[in-house]
PDB file of N, CA and C in Angstrom:
ATOM      1  N   MET A   1     -14.489  -3.144 -22.522  1.00  0.00           N
ATOM      2  CA  MET A   1     -13.517  -3.865 -21.392  1.00  0.00           C
ATOM      3  C   MET A   1     -14.529  -4.121 -20.403  1.00  0.00           C
ATOM      4  N   PRO A   2     -14.213  -5.718 -19.948  1.00  0.00           N
ATOM      5  CA  PRO A   2     -14.547  -6.291 -18.982  1.00  0.00           C
ATOM      6  C   PRO A   2     -14.574  -5.643 -17.736  1.00  0.00           C
ATOM      7  N   ALA A   3     -15.215  -5.902 -16.636  1.00  0.00           N
ATOM      8  CA  ALA A   3     -14.966  -5.472 -15.227  1.00  0.00           C
ATOM      9  C   ALA A   3     -13.693  -6.651 -14.452  1.00  0.00           C
ATOM     10  N   THR A   4     -13.142  -5.863 -13.786  1.00  0.00           N
ATOM     11  CA  THR A   4     -12.137  -6.585 -12.855  1.00  0.00           C
ATOM     12  C   THR A   4     -12.606  -6.669 -11.541  1.00  0.00           C
ATOM     13  N   VAL A   5     -12.698  -8.130 -11.312  1.00  0.00           N
ATOM     14  CA  VAL A   5     -13.360  -8.314  -9.916  1.00  0.00           C
ATOM     15  C   VAL A   5     -12.266  -9.165  -8.833  1.00  0.00           C
ATOM     16  N   ILE A   6     -11.776  -8.672  -7.832  1.00  0.00           N
ATOM     17  CA  ILE A   6     -11.063  -9.524  -6.569  1.00  0.00           C
ATOM     18  C   ILE A   6     -12.156  -9.783  -5.616  1.00  0.00           C
ATOM     19  N   SER A   7     -12.423 -11.039  -5.522  1.00  0.00           N
ATOM     20  CA  SER A   7     -13.661 -11.264  -4.426  1.00  0.00           C
ATOM     21  C   SER A   7     -12.912 -11.362  -3.088  1.00  0.00           C
ATOM     22  N   ASN A   8     -11.460 -11.834  -3.112  1.00  0.00           N
ATOM     23  CA  ASN A   8     -10.997 -11.858  -1.766  1.00  0.00           C
ATOM     24  C   ASN A   8      -9.605 -11.282  -1.898  1.00  0.00           C
ATOM     25  N   LEU A   9      -9.394 -10.262  -1.282  1.00  0.00           N
ATOM     26  CA  LEU A   9      -7.994  -9.854  -1.051  1.00  0.00           C
ATOM     27  C   LEU A   9      -7.020 -10.502  -0.569  1.00  0.00           C
ATOM     28  N   ALA A  10      -7.281 -11.159   0.531  1.00  0.00           N
ATOM     29  CA  ALA A  10      -6.635 -12.070   1.429  1.00  0.00           C
ATOM     30  C   ALA A  10      -6.064 -13.169   0.770  1.00  0.00           C
ATOM     31  N   ALA A  11      -6.919 -13.560  -0.184  1.00  0.00           N
ATOM     32  CA  ALA A  11      -6.503 -14.917  -1.186  1.00  0.00           C
ATOM     33  C   ALA A  11      -5.389 -14.397  -1.994  1.00  0.00           C
ATOM     34  N   GLU A  12      -5.767 -13.200  -2.623  1.00  0.00           N
ATOM     35  CA  GLU A  12      -4.631 -12.336  -3.352  1.00  0.00           C
ATOM     36  C   GLU A  12      -3.500 -12.343  -2.679  1.00  0.00           C
ATOM     37  N   LEU A  13      -3.444 -11.925  -1.799  1.00  0.00           N
ATOM     38  CA  LEU A  13      -2.122 -11.431  -1.032  1.00  0.00           C
ATOM     39  C   LEU A  13      -2.253 -12.139   0.451  1.00  0.00           C
ATOM     40  N   PRO A  14      -1.560 -13.160   0.445  1.00  0.00           N
ATOM     41  CA  PRO A  14      -1.397 -14.158   1.657  1.00  0.00           C
ATOM     42  C   PRO A  14      -0.585 -13.311   2.666  1.00  0.00           C
ATOM     43  N   LEU A  15      -0.894 -13.200   3.737  1.00  0.00           N
ATOM     44  CA  LEU A  15       0.061 -12.728   4.984  1.00  0.00           C
ATOM     45  C   LEU A  15       1.236 -13.492   4.991  1.00  0.00           C
ATOM     46  N   PRO A  16       2.526 -13.098   4.747  1.00  0.00           N
ATOM     47  CA  PRO A  16       3.642 -13.623   5.082  1.00  0.00           C
ATOM     48  C   PRO A  16       4.235 -13.881   6.485  1.00  0.00           C
ATOM     49  N   GLU A  17       4.768 -15.103   6.755  1.00  0.00           N
ATOM     50  CA  GLU A  17       5.139 -15.042   8.154  1.00  0.00           C
ATOM     51  C   GLU A  17       6.435 -14.077   8.521  1.00  0.00           C
ATOM     52  N   ASP A  18       7.172 -13.830   7.438  1.00  0.00           N
ATOM     53  CA  ASP A  18       8.296 -13.277   7.536  1.00  0.00           C
ATOM     54  C   ASP A  18       8.380 -12.218   5.941  1.00  0.00           C
ATOM     55  N   GLY A  19       8.716 -11.228   6.122  1.00  0.00           N
ATOM     56  CA  GLY A  19       8.981 -10.408   4.680  1.00  0.00           C
ATOM     57  C   GLY A  19       7.822  -9.554   4.172  1.00  0.00           C
ATOM     58  N   THR A  20       7.755  -9.444   3.040  1.00  0.00           N
ATOM     59  CA  THR A  20       6.815  -8.605   2.238  1.00  0.00           C
ATOM     60  C   THR A  20       6.441  -9.134   1.092  1.00  0.00           C
ATOM     61  N   LEU A  21       5.316  -9.277   0.686  1.00  0.00           N
ATOM     62  CA  LEU A  21       4.699  -9.628  -0.812  1.00  0.00           C
ATOM     63  C   LEU A  21       3.964  -8.404  -1.391  1.00  0.00           C
ATOM     64  N   SER A  22       4.496  -8.258  -2.544  1.00  0.00           N
ATOM     65  CA  SER A  22       3.867  -7.101  -3.298  1.00  0.00           C
ATOM     66  C   SER A  22       3.371  -7.928  -4.534  1.00  0.00           C
ATOM     67  N   ARG A  23       1.953  -7.683  -4.987  1.00  0.00           N
ATOM     68  CA  ARG A  23       1.706  -8.075  -6.394  1.00  0.00           C
ATOM     69  C   ARG A  23       0.792  -6.952  -6.995  1.00  0.00           C
ATOM     70  N   VAL A  24       0.984  -6.768  -8.427  1.00  0.00           N
ATOM     71  CA  VAL A  24       0.195  -5.829  -9.182  1.00  0.00           C
ATOM     72  C   VAL A  24      -1.120  -6.538  -9.124  1.00  0.00           C
ATOM     73  N   LEU A  25      -2.247  -5.747  -8.815  1.00  0.00           N
ATOM     74  CA  LEU A  25      -3.439  -6.512  -8.640  1.00  0.00           C
ATOM     75  C   LEU A  25      -4.611  -6.017 -10.263  1.00  0.00           C
ATOM     76  N   TYR A  26      -4.064  -4.699 -10.481  1.00  0.00           N
ATOM     77  CA  TYR A  26      -4.754  -4.010 -11.789  1.00  0.00           C
ATOM     78  C   TYR A  26      -3.692  -2.980 -12.446  1.00  0.00           C
ATOM     79  N   ARG A  27      -3.779  -3.127 -13.705  1.00  0.00           N
ATOM     80  CA  ARG A  27      -2.937  -2.210 -14.556  1.00  0.00           C
ATOM     81  C   ARG A  27      -3.670  -1.806 -15.811  1.00  0.00           C
ATOM     82  N   ASP A  28      -3.808  -0.657 -16.149  1.00  0.00           N
ATOM     83  CA  ASP A  28      -3.856  -0.135 -17.468  1.00  0.00           C
ATOM     84  C   ASP A  28      -3.159   1.059 -17.983  1.00  0.00           C
ATOM     85  N   ASP A  29      -3.492   1.694 -19.004  1.00  0.00           N
ATOM     86  CA  ASP A  29      -2.563   2.749 -19.256  1.00  0.00           C
ATOM     87  C   ASP A  29      -2.929   4.003 -18.514  1.00  0.00           C
ATOM     88  N   ARG A  30      -3.828   4.093 -17.409  1.00  0.00           N
ATOM     89  CA  ARG A  30      -3.959   5.158 -16.627  1.00  0.00           C
ATOM     90  C   ARG A  30      -3.870   5.047 -15.247  1.00  0.00           C
ATOM     91  N   LEU A  31      -3.864   3.645 -14.639  1.00  0.00           N
ATOM     92  CA  LEU A  31      -4.030   3.384 -13.409  1.00  0.00           C
ATOM     93  C   LEU A  31      -3.061   2.183 -13.017  1.00  0.00           C
ATOM     94  N   ARG A  32      -2.541   2.106 -11.878  1.00  0.00           N
ATOM     95  CA  ARG A  32      -1.958   0.630 -11.362  1.00  0.00           C
ATOM     96  C   ARG A  32      -2.274   0.592  -9.942  1.00  0.00           C
ATOM     97  N   VAL A  33      -2.734  -0.498  -9.576  1.00  0.00           N
ATOM     98  CA  VAL A  33      -2.882  -0.816  -8.308  1.00  0.00           C
ATOM     99  C   VAL A  33      -2.132  -2.112  -7.544  1.00  0.00           C
ATOM    100  N   VAL A  34      -1.349  -1.831  -7.002  1.00  0.00           N
ATOM    101  CA  VAL A  34      -0.566  -2.790  -6.266  1.00  0.00           C
ATOM    102  C   VAL A  34      -0.785  -3.119  -4.524  1.00  0.00           C
ATOM    103  N   GLY A  35      -1.075  -4.213  -4.438  1.00  0.00           N
ATOM    104  CA  GLY A  35      -1.276  -4.970  -3.050  1.00  0.00           C
ATOM    105  C   GLY A  35      -0.275  -5.152  -2.244  1.00  0.00           C
ATOM    106  N   PHE A  36       0.194  -5.132  -1.173  1.00  0.00           N
ATOM    107  CA  PHE A  36       1.365  -5.184  -0.415  1.00  0.00           C
ATOM    108  C   PHE A  36       0.614  -6.192   0.808  1.00  0.00           C
ATOM    109  N   ALA A  37       1.416  -7.187   1.388  1.00  0.00           N
ATOM    110  CA  ALA A  37       0.971  -7.893   2.603  1.00  0.00           C
ATOM    111  C   ALA A  37       2.349  -7.961   3.200  1.00  0.00           C
ATOM    112  N   PHE A  38       2.203  -7.303   4.436  1.00  0.00           N
ATOM    113  CA  PHE A  38       3.740  -7.089   5.485  1.00  0.00           C
ATOM    114  C   PHE A  38       3.141  -8.062   6.647  1.00  0.00           C
ATOM    115  N   ALA A  39       4.565  -8.684   7.001  1.00  0.00           N
ATOM    116  CA  ALA A  39       4.705  -9.344   8.330  1.00  0.00           C
ATOM    117  C   ALA A  39       4.813  -8.148   9.178  1.00  0.00           C
ATOM    118  N   THR A  40       4.619  -8.474  10.448  1.00  0.00           N
ATOM    119  CA  THR A  40       4.859  -7.678  11.504  1.00  0.00           C
ATOM    120  C   THR A  40       6.322  -7.032  11.639  1.00  0.00           C
ATOM    121  N   GLY A  41       6.450  -5.936  11.540  1.00  0.00           N
ATOM    122  CA  GLY A  41       7.921  -5.314  11.716  1.00  0.00           C
ATOM    123  C   GLY A  41       8.703  -4.950  10.445  1.00  0.00           C
ATOM    124  N   GLN A  42       7.868  -5.386   9.226  1.00  0.00           N
ATOM    125  CA  GLN A  42       8.333  -5.126   7.896  1.00  0.00           C
ATOM    126  C   GLN A  42       8.291  -3.690   7.665  1.00  0.00           C
ATOM    127  N   GLU A  43       9.207  -3.187   6.798  1.00  0.00           N
ATOM    128  CA  GLU A  43       9.093  -1.915   6.254  1.00  0.00           C
ATOM    129  C   GLU A  43       9.461  -1.711   5.072  1.00  0.00           C
ATOM    130  N   LEU A  44       8.873  -0.593   4.425  1.00  0.00           N
ATOM    131  CA  LEU A  44       9.509   0.067   3.234  1.00  0.00           C
ATOM    132  C   LEU A  44      10.476   1.361   3.520  1.00  0.00           C
ATOM    133  N   THR A  45      11.387   1.226   3.203  1.00  0.00           N
ATOM    134  CA  THR A  45      12.350   2.479   3.857  1.00  0.00           C
ATOM    135  C   THR A  45      12.093   3.597   3.129  1.00  0.00           C
ATOM    136  N   GLU A  46      12.551   4.735   3.556  1.00  0.00           N
ATOM    137  CA  GLU A  46      12.312   5.709   2.812  1.00  0.00           C
ATOM    138  C   GLU A  46      12.585   5.909   1.271  1.00  0.00           C
ATOM    139  N   HIS A  47      11.551   6.408   0.747  1.00  0.00           N
ATOM    140  CA  HIS A  47      11.710   6.413  -0.811  1.00  0.00           C
ATOM    141  C   HIS A  47      10.465   7.453  -1.311  1.00  0.00           C
ATOM    142  N   THR A  48      10.240   7.665  -2.627  1.00  0.00           N
ATOM    143  CA  THR A  48       9.571   8.526  -3.269  1.00  0.00           C
ATOM    144  C   THR A  48       8.945   7.941  -4.452  1.00  0.00           C
ATOM    145  N   SER A  49       7.851   8.458  -5.128  1.00  0.00           N
ATOM    146  CA  SER A  49       7.150   8.117  -6.001  1.00  0.00           C
ATOM    147  C   SER A  49       7.011   9.227  -7.201  1.00  0.00           C
ATOM    148  N   ALA A  50       7.186   8.764  -8.432  1.00  0.00           N
ATOM    149  CA  ALA A  50       7.477   9.754  -9.495  1.00  0.00           C
ATOM    150  C   ALA A  50       5.728  10.208  -9.786  1.00  0.00           C
ATOM    151  N   LEU A  51       5.015   9.204  -9.293  1.00  0.00           N
ATOM    152  CA  LEU A  51       3.361   9.459  -9.436  1.00  0.00           C
ATOM    153  C   LEU A  51       2.532   9.873  -8.100  1.00  0.00           C
ATOM    154  N   PRO A  52       1.568  10.593  -8.015  1.00  0.00           N
ATOM    155  CA  PRO A  52       0.812  10.648  -6.961  1.00  0.00           C
ATOM    156  C   PRO A  52       0.355   9.238  -6.458  1.00  0.00           C
ATOM    157  N   VAL A  53       0.203   9.021  -5.378  1.00  0.00           N
ATOM    158  CA  VAL A  53      -0.526   7.776  -4.872  1.00  0.00           C
ATOM    159  C   VAL A  53      -1.505   7.818  -3.661  1.00  0.00           C
ATOM    160  N   VAL A  54      -2.196   6.681  -3.677  1.00  0.00           N
ATOM    161  CA  VAL A  54      -3.200   6.412  -2.628  1.00  0.00           C
ATOM    162  C   VAL A  54      -2.770   5.323  -1.785  1.00  0.00           C
ATOM    163  N   VAL A  55      -3.019   5.679  -0.414  1.00  0.00           N
ATOM    164  CA  VAL A  55      -2.615   4.257   0.425  1.00  0.00           C
ATOM    165  C   VAL A  55      -3.740   3.978   1.042  1.00  0.00           C
ATOM    166  N   GLN A  56      -4.251   2.594   1.068  1.00  0.00           N
ATOM    167  CA  GLN A  56      -5.488   2.177   1.534  1.00  0.00           C
ATOM    168  C   GLN A  56      -4.940   0.914   2.394  1.00  0.00           C
ATOM    169  N   VAL A  57      -5.724   0.918   3.908  1.00  0.00           N
ATOM    170  CA  VAL A  57      -5.238  -0.154   4.668  1.00  0.00           C
ATOM    171  C   VAL A  57      -6.537  -1.131   4.797  1.00  0.00           C
ATOM    172  N   VAL A  58      -6.058  -2.269   4.151  1.00  0.00           N
ATOM    173  CA  VAL A  58      -7.383  -3.208   4.625  1.00  0.00           C
ATOM    174  C   VAL A  58      -7.482  -4.027   5.482  1.00  0.00           C
ATOM    175  N   GLN A  59      -6.357  -4.221   6.191  1.00  0.00           N
ATOM    176  CA  GLN A  59      -6.264  -5.152   7.347  1.00  0.00           C
ATOM    177  C   GLN A  59      -4.914  -4.782   8.048  1.00  0.00           C
ATOM    178  N   GLY A  60      -4.864  -4.454   9.295  1.00  0.00           N
ATOM    179  CA  GLY A  60      -3.627  -4.338  10.160  1.00  0.00           C
ATOM    180  C   GLY A  60      -3.489  -2.971  10.759  1.00  0.00           C
ATOM    181  N   HIS A  61      -2.091  -2.610  10.525  1.00  0.00           N
ATOM    182  CA  HIS A  61      -1.912  -1.390  11.242  1.00  0.00           C
ATOM    183  C   HIS A  61      -0.470  -0.939  10.723  1.00  0.00           C
ATOM    184  N   LEU A  62      -0.239   0.292  10.258  1.00  0.00           N
ATOM    185  CA  LEU A  62       0.889   0.715   9.614  1.00  0.00           C
ATOM    186  C   LEU A  62       1.254   2.081  10.351  1.00  0.00           C
ATOM    187  N   GLU A  63       2.470   2.200  10.656  1.00  0.00           N
ATOM    188  CA  GLU A  63       3.097   3.699  11.057  1.00  0.00           C
ATOM    189  C   GLU A  63       3.945   4.233   9.700  1.00  0.00           C
ATOM    190  N   LEU A  64       3.527   5.494   9.537  1.00  0.00           N
ATOM    191  CA  LEU A  64       3.927   5.914   8.041  1.00  0.00           C
ATOM    192  C   LEU A  64       4.640   7.289   8.530  1.00  0.00           C
ATOM    193  N   VAL A  65       5.832   7.487   7.765  1.00  0.00           N
ATOM    194  CA  VAL A  65       6.273   8.987   7.874  1.00  0.00           C
ATOM    195  C   VAL A  65       6.045   9.617   6.707  1.00  0.00           C
ATOM    196  N   LEU A  66       5.404  10.795   6.516  1.00  0.00           N
ATOM    197  CA  LEU A  66       5.093  11.366   5.185  1.00  0.00           C
ATOM    198  C   LEU A  66       5.795  12.489   5.241  1.00  0.00           C
ATOM    199  N   GLY A  67       6.906  12.737   4.582  1.00  0.00           N
ATOM    200  CA  GLY A  67       7.854  13.998   4.754  1.00  0.00           C
ATOM    201  C   GLY A  67       8.088  13.940   6.208  1.00  0.00           C
ATOM    202  N   ASP A  68       7.649  15.049   6.903  1.00  0.00           N
ATOM    203  CA  ASP A  68       8.237  15.274   8.317  1.00  0.00           C
ATOM    204  C   ASP A  68       7.199  14.701   9.131  1.00  0.00           C
ATOM    205  N   GLU A  69       6.248  14.411   8.875  1.00  0.00           N
ATOM    206  CA  GLU A  69       4.897  14.112   9.769  1.00  0.00           C
ATOM    207  C   GLU A  69       4.810  12.635   9.947  1.00  0.00           C
ATOM    208  N   LYS A  70       4.715  12.055  11.091  1.00  0.00           N
ATOM    209  CA  LYS A  70       4.155  10.821  11.412  1.00  0.00           C
ATOM    210  C   LYS A  70       2.926  10.691  11.327  1.00  0.00           C
ATOM    211  N   THR A  71       2.441   9.553  11.268  1.00  0.00           N
ATOM    212  CA  THR A  71       0.984   9.299  11.231  1.00  0.00           C
ATOM    213  C   THR A  71       0.796   7.684  11.151  1.00  0.00           C
ATOM    214  N   GLU A  72      -0.310   7.183  11.451  1.00  0.00           N
ATOM    215  CA  GLU A  72      -0.771   5.824  11.694  1.00  0.00           C
ATOM    216  C   GLU A  72      -1.917   5.482  10.734  1.00  0.00           C
ATOM    217  N   ALA A  73      -1.924   4.555  10.249  1.00  0.00           N
ATOM    218  CA  ALA A  73      -3.392   4.038   9.390  1.00  0.00           C
ATOM    219  C   ALA A  73      -3.802   2.566   9.741  1.00  0.00           C
ATOM    220  N   GLN A  74      -4.899   2.588   9.807  1.00  0.00           N
ATOM    221  CA  GLN A  74      -5.455   1.136  10.112  1.00  0.00           C
ATOM    222  C   GLN A  74      -6.799   1.065   8.966  1.00  0.00           C
ATOM    223  N   PRO A  75      -7.467  -0.194   9.398  1.00  0.00           N
ATOM    224  CA  PRO A  75      -8.281  -0.445   8.187  1.00  0.00           C
ATOM    225  C   PRO A  75      -9.401   0.740   8.012  1.00  0.00           C
ATOM    226  N   GLY A  76      -9.696   1.178   6.834  1.00  0.00           N
ATOM    227  CA  GLY A  76     -10.528   2.120   6.524  1.00  0.00           C
ATOM    228  C   GLY A  76      -9.614   3.575   5.935  1.00  0.00           C
ATOM    229  N   SER A  77      -8.411   3.681   6.576  1.00  0.00           N
ATOM    230  CA  SER A  77      -7.586   4.766   6.298  1.00  0.00           C
ATOM    231  C   SER A  77      -7.279   4.856   5.043  1.00  0.00           C
ATOM    232  N   TRP A  78      -7.389   6.074   4.328  1.00  0.00           N
ATOM    233  CA  TRP A  78      -7.052   6.654   3.117  1.00  0.00           C
ATOM    234  C   TRP A  78      -6.075   7.859   3.053  1.00  0.00           C
ATOM    235  N   ILE A  79      -5.169   7.647   2.568  1.00  0.00           N
ATOM    236  CA  ILE A  79      -4.004   8.584   2.629  1.00  0.00           C
ATOM    237  C   ILE A  79      -3.552   8.915   1.008  1.00  0.00           C
ATOM    238  N   HIS A  80      -3.552  10.095   0.831  1.00  0.00           N
ATOM    239  CA  HIS A  80      -3.061  10.651  -0.521  1.00  0.00           C
ATOM    240  C   HIS A  80      -1.693  11.199  -0.340  1.00  0.00           C
ATOM    241  N   LEU A  81      -0.720  10.762  -1.219  1.00  0.00           N
ATOM    242  CA  LEU A  81       0.641  11.352  -1.402  1.00  0.00           C
ATOM    243  C   LEU A  81       1.057  12.012  -2.512  1.00  0.00           C
ATOM    244  N   PRO A  82       1.358  13.100  -2.614  1.00  0.00           N
ATOM    245  CA  PRO A  82       1.690  14.024  -3.810  1.00  0.00           C
ATOM    246  C   PRO A  82       3.125  13.509  -4.327  1.00  0.00           C
ATOM    247  N   ALA A  83       3.295  13.512  -5.513  1.00  0.00           N
ATOM    248  CA  ALA A  83       4.477  12.836  -6.306  1.00  0.00           C
ATOM    249  C   ALA A  83       5.821  13.370  -5.466  1.00  0.00           C
ATOM    250  N   ARG A  84       6.938  12.465  -5.368  1.00  0.00           N
ATOM    251  CA  ARG A  84       8.091  12.893  -5.067  1.00  0.00           C
ATOM    252  C   ARG A  84       8.033  13.104  -3.238  1.00  0.00           C
ATOM    253  N   LEU A  85       7.227  13.200  -2.667  1.00  0.00           N
ATOM    254  CA  LEU A  85       7.110  13.004  -1.212  1.00  0.00           C
ATOM    255  C   LEU A  85       7.995  11.852  -0.391  1.00  0.00           C
ATOM    256  N   PRO A  86       8.822  12.334  -0.044  1.00  0.00           N
ATOM    257  CA  PRO A  86       9.386  10.993   0.702  1.00  0.00           C
ATOM    258  C   PRO A  86       8.778  10.380   1.784  1.00  0.00           C
ATOM    259  N   HIS A  87       8.705   9.034   1.782  1.00  0.00           N
ATOM    260  CA  HIS A  87       7.731   8.511   2.944  1.00  0.00           C
ATOM    261  C   HIS A  87       8.583   7.130   3.220  1.00  0.00           C
ATOM    262  N   THR A  88       8.153   6.711   4.429  1.00  0.00           N
ATOM    263  CA  THR A  88       8.405   5.251   5.059  1.00  0.00           C
ATOM    264  C   THR A  88       7.215   4.602   5.450  1.00  0.00           C
ATOM    265  N   VAL A  89       7.056   3.184   5.257  1.00  0.00           N
ATOM    266  CA  VAL A  89       5.741   2.655   5.753  1.00  0.00           C
ATOM    267  C   VAL A  89       6.526   1.375   6.663  1.00  0.00           C
ATOM    268  N   ARG A  90       5.879   1.193   7.683  1.00  0.00           N
ATOM    269  CA  ARG A  90       6.112   0.416   8.461  1.00  0.00           C
ATOM    270  C   ARG A  90       4.829  -0.588   9.092  1.00  0.00           C
ATOM    271  N   ALA A  91       5.124  -1.839   9.126  1.00  0.00           N
ATOM    272  CA  ALA A  91       3.668  -2.615   9.523  1.00  0.00           C
ATOM    273  C   ALA A  91       3.968  -3.075  11.318  1.00  0.00           C
ATOM    274  N   THR A  92       3.167  -2.601  11.981  1.00  0.00           N
ATOM    275  CA  THR A  92       3.178  -2.929  13.396  1.00  0.00           C
ATOM    276  C   THR A  92       2.474  -4.353  13.883  1.00  0.00           C
ATOM    277  N   GLU A  93       1.656  -5.045  13.066  1.00  0.00           N
ATOM    278  CA  GLU A  93       0.934  -6.177  12.834  1.00  0.00           C
ATOM    279  C   GLU A  93       0.916  -6.616  11.490  1.00  0.00           C
ATOM    280  N   PRO A  94       0.393  -7.830  10.932  1.00  0.00           N
ATOM    281  CA  PRO A  94       0.301  -8.374   9.850  1.00  0.00           C
ATOM    282  C   PRO A  94      -0.733  -7.302   9.092  1.00  0.00           C
ATOM    283  N   THR A  95      -0.221  -6.777   8.037  1.00  0.00           N
ATOM    284  CA  THR A  95      -1.232  -5.751   7.398  1.00  0.00           C
ATOM    285  C   THR A  95      -1.209  -6.116   5.718  1.00  0.00           C
ATOM    286  N   LEU A  96      -2.572  -5.677   5.401  1.00  0.00           N
ATOM    287  CA  LEU A  96      -2.708  -5.772   4.073  1.00  0.00           C
ATOM    288  C   LEU A  96      -3.046  -4.260   3.516  1.00  0.00           C
ATOM    289  N   MET A  97      -2.297  -3.806   2.470  1.00  0.00           N
ATOM    290  CA  MET A  97      -2.607  -2.479   2.130  1.00  0.00           C
ATOM    291  C   MET A  97      -2.408  -2.481   0.472  1.00  0.00           C
ATOM    292  N   LEU A  98      -3.274  -1.674   0.063  1.00  0.00           N
ATOM    293  CA  LEU A  98      -3.468  -1.362  -1.543  1.00  0.00           C
ATOM    294  C   LEU A  98      -2.961   0.297  -1.880  1.00  0.00           C
ATOM    295  N   LEU A  99      -2.118  -0.054  -2.946  1.00  0.00           N
ATOM    296  CA  LEU A  99      -1.476   1.404  -3.275  1.00  0.00           C
ATOM    297  C   LEU A  99      -1.765   1.587  -4.732  1.00  0.00           C
ATOM    298  N   THR A 100      -2.404   2.639  -4.875  1.00  0.00           N
ATOM    299  CA  THR A 100      -3.087   3.131  -6.229  1.00  0.00           C
ATOM    300  C   THR A 100      -2.270   4.064  -6.798  1.00  0.00           C
ATOM    301  N   MET A 101      -1.603   4.032  -7.877  1.00  0.00           N
ATOM    302  CA  MET A 101      -0.855   4.975  -8.591  1.00  0.00           C
ATOM    303  C   MET A 101      -1.662   5.886  -9.477  1.00  0.00           C
ATOM    304  N   LEU A 102      -1.528   7.113  -9.505  1.00  0.00           N
ATOM    305  CA  LEU A 102      -2.405   7.936 -10.172  1.00  0.00           C
ATOM    306  C   LEU A 102      -1.574   8.622 -11.509  1.00  0.00           C
ATOM    307  N   PRO A 103      -2.400   9.134 -12.365  1.00  0.00           N
ATOM    308  CA  PRO A 103      -2.021   9.702 -13.462  1.00  0.00           C
ATOM    309  C   PRO A 103      -1.261  10.967 -12.857  1.00  0.00           C
ATOM    310  N   ALA A 104      -0.061  11.287 -13.423  1.00  0.00           N
ATOM    311  CA  ALA A 104       0.481  12.629 -13.128  1.00  0.00           C
ATOM    312  C   ALA A 104      -0.442  13.428 -13.462  1.00  0.00           C
TER     313      ALA A 104
END
C-alpha cells in the first residue's frame, strides 16, 4: 500500500469564517482520521463515540468538556477519549483539529 501524504493540513481544511468544516483525511479498515476546521465560537455539542478517539489540535484553541472534567487544548495537545465518554468541543478562536478513530 502506498504512503498517504498531506503536505499542508491548512490547505485541506480551510478555516471557515462561520461554521465548521469536517473532512475524512484517511480511512482504511483499521483507522479513520477526520480533520475539523472551526470558526471562533463553533462547537460540537455533547455527544459520544462508539470507538476510542484521539484529539490533536494543530492550530487554535479548544475548550473541552470530557465527562465531568473541563480542559483546554492548544497546538501540540494530545487527548485520548475512551469509547462512549460524553464530550463537547468548542473553539475559542479559529481552530484546526485532527480526530483519529481507533479500533475497538
